Amino acid sequence: MSKGKRYIISVLVMLLVVLLALTACSKSEDNPILSLPSELTDSDGQLFDNKLLEGKPLVINFFASWCDPCKREISEIEKIHNRTYKPELASQYLDDLDITFVGINSGETDINRAKDLISQTGASYIILYGDDGTLLQDVGAVGLPFTVFINSNGEIVGTHLTAMSSDDVYAQLDEYFNS
């Protein structure tokens, strides 16, 4: 490969990296409305009633069993959900602001592997299955884990690409819900 072609490829790769970095954590300006598909199921294989989430601020975390960073992030979210990490802060968001955590398994070919991951992590918040990757794509994700922050009007107010620690999740909750 010629020196010129290597230079062009290097520049394109650098531009892609910058673009991904800029979109990795973004606050939405036009606040699109998220509509969950009706075919999502719970851990028992029952269709999930999306109406249970209406009017609530949501944190939706997309994951897959093959994604190691997803496994770490599910455990970090669970620490907040079960109030074992900074319980006073967790209560502020979960009780006072009524924020609900939802995990959506996306693009999984073997749902049992996804269920095994949830069992391993001990996640006790709402976990849904059945997204073939369409919903993940619809919210603008370019990778996993991907988290979407939705206000009580159903508007997407922010997104985050890459795994977060519990402290990172708290920082995002503060940015998007504590105004």
Foldseek 3Di string as FASTA:
>chain_A
DDPVVVVVVVVVVVVVVVVCVVQQKDFDDVFDFADDDQCKAFPVNHGDDCVVCALAKEKEKEDELVDPLSLQQLLQVQCLVVCVPVNVLSCCCCPVRVYAYEYEYELYPDVVSVVVSCVVSVRDGTYIYDHNCVSVVVVPDPDPGKIFIAHNNRTTGIIHHTGDHNVRVSVVCCVRPVD
